[in-house]
């Protein structure tokens, strides 16, 4: 149906955004952590993200169960907007981190850093 073009465009955007966002995060995290720290802490990052996803998904599910259909039509866009604000906050945090932290602290894998020079 031609009237669903916006829905399909949104679907493809979200599917590609998820892959792009996660690979960009792990690329950045790998570039500023050394091998020892990555080995010790990346498991905590993944665990925290999975637990956070479960908790926020559960909270949204409970909120949707306890509200009427009219309230759900208002609640869901607000939750999606809030999620977008948090994603922008992640982008802003990385941007300011890269601007404020000296370059000598922003490389973790020494062999790659030497190769780039």
Protein backbone atom coordinates (compact mmCIF):
# COMPACT_ATOMS: atom_id res chain seq x y z
CA UNK A 1 0.00 0.00 0.00
CA UNK A 2 1.60 3.34 -1.02
CA UNK A 3 0.22 5.10 2.05
CA UNK A 4 2.54 3.03 4.28
CA UNK A 5 5.78 4.45 2.86
CA UNK A 6 6.49 6.47 6.01
CA UNK A 7 6.01 3.39 8.20
CA UNK A 8 8.38 1.32 6.09
CA UNK A 9 10.93 4.13 6.01
CA UNK A 10 10.75 4.38 9.81
CA UNK A 11 11.16 0.61 10.14
CA UNK A 12 14.28 0.52 7.95
CA UNK A 13 15.71 3.56 9.71
CA UNK A 14 15.30 1.96 13.15
CA UNK A 15 16.73 -1.38 12.00
CA UNK A 16 19.82 0.26 10.51
CA UNK A 17 20.16 2.75 13.39
CA UNK A 18 20.41 -0.05 15.94
CA UNK A 19 23.24 -1.74 14.05
CA UNK A 20 25.03 1.55 13.43
CA UNK A 21 24.68 2.79 17.01
CA UNK A 22 25.93 -0.42 18.65
CA UNK A 23 28.91 -0.83 16.33
CA UNK A 24 29.87 2.82 16.75
CA UNK A 25 29.73 2.49 20.54
CA UNK A 26 31.89 -0.64 20.60
CA UNK A 27 34.36 0.88 18.16
CA UNK A 28 34.70 3.96 20.34
CA UNK A 29 34.93 1.91 23.54
CA UNK A 30 37.62 -0.30 22.03
CA UNK A 31 39.62 2.66 20.83
CA UNK A 32 39.85 4.35 24.25
CA UNK A 33 40.34 1.28 26.46
CA UNK A 34 43.43 -0.84 26.68
CA UNK A 35 43.23 -4.61 26.30
CA UNK A 36 43.34 -5.34 30.04
CA UNK A 37 40.54 -2.89 30.90
CA UNK A 38 38.43 -4.12 28.00
CA UNK A 39 38.80 -7.69 29.20
CA UNK A 40 37.83 -6.71 32.75
CA UNK A 41 34.97 -4.26 32.12
CA UNK A 42 33.26 -4.94 28.79
CA UNK A 43 31.26 -7.75 30.40
CA UNK A 44 29.87 -5.22 32.89
CA UNK A 45 28.92 -2.89 30.02
CA UNK A 46 27.00 -5.63 28.25
CA UNK A 47 25.37 -6.89 31.45
CA UNK A 48 24.33 -3.36 32.41
CA UNK A 49 22.84 -2.70 28.99
CA UNK A 50 20.86 -5.94 29.02
CA UNK A 51 19.55 -5.38 32.56
CA UNK A 52 18.68 -1.76 31.69
CA UNK A 53 16.80 -2.94 28.59
CA UNK A 54 14.84 -5.48 30.61
CA UNK A 55 13.97 -2.99 33.33
CA UNK A 56 12.87 -0.21 30.98
CA UNK A 57 10.94 -2.64 28.78
CA UNK A 58 9.23 -4.04 31.88
CA UNK A 59 8.35 -0.59 33.16
CA UNK A 60 6.83 0.34 29.78
CA UNK A 61 4.90 -2.94 29.69
CA UNK A 62 3.47 -2.36 33.17
CA UNK A 63 2.61 1.24 32.31
CA UNK A 64 0.79 0.11 29.17
CA UNK A 65 -1.12 -2.60 31.09
CA UNK A 66 -2.31 -0.20 33.75
CA UNK A 67 -3.52 2.51 31.37
CA UNK A 68 -6.51 2.79 29.12
CA UNK A 69 -6.31 2.77 25.33
CA UNK A 70 -6.60 6.58 25.18
CA UNK A 71 -3.73 6.97 27.62
CA UNK A 72 -1.64 4.45 25.67
CA UNK A 73 -1.93 6.62 22.57
CA UNK A 74 -0.40 9.47 24.59
CA UNK A 75 2.08 7.40 26.63
CA UNK A 76 3.86 5.58 23.81
CA UNK A 77 4.95 8.68 21.84
CA UNK A 78 6.15 10.29 25.08
CA UNK A 79 8.25 7.23 25.88
CA UNK A 80 9.70 7.17 22.36
CA UNK A 81 10.52 10.86 22.61
CA UNK A 82 12.19 10.33 25.99
CA UNK A 83 14.28 7.51 24.53
CA UNK A 84 15.35 9.81 21.70
CA UNK A 85 16.44 12.43 24.24
CA UNK A 86 18.54 9.81 26.07
CA UNK A 87 20.19 8.76 22.79
CA UNK A 88 21.00 12.38 22.04
CA UNK A 89 22.44 12.63 25.56
CA UNK A 90 24.75 9.71 24.78
CA UNK A 91 25.90 11.46 21.61
CA UNK A 92 26.47 14.72 23.50
CA UNK A 93 28.40 12.92 26.26
CA UNK A 94 30.77 11.31 23.77
CA UNK A 95 31.21 14.60 21.92
CA UNK A 96 32.12 16.52 25.08
CA UNK A 97 34.33 13.65 26.28
CA UNK A 98 36.31 13.83 23.04
CA UNK A 99 36.62 17.63 23.29
CA UNK A 100 37.55 17.90 26.99
CA UNK A 101 39.73 14.86 27.71
CA UNK A 102 43.36 15.26 26.57
CA UNK A 103 44.41 13.16 23.59
CA UNK A 104 46.96 11.20 25.61
CA UNK A 105 44.10 9.64 27.59
CA UNK A 106 41.95 8.91 24.57
CA UNK A 107 43.79 5.91 23.18
CA UNK A 108 43.85 2.48 24.64
CA UNK A 109 45.27 0.11 22.07
CA UNK A 110 48.86 1.29 21.82
CA UNK A 111 49.77 -0.64 18.66
CA UNK A 112 46.91 0.98 16.73
CA UNK A 113 47.84 4.40 18.10
CA UNK A 114 51.47 4.02 16.99
CA UNK A 115 50.35 2.79 13.56
CA UNK A 116 48.11 5.85 13.11
CA UNK A 117 51.03 8.21 13.79
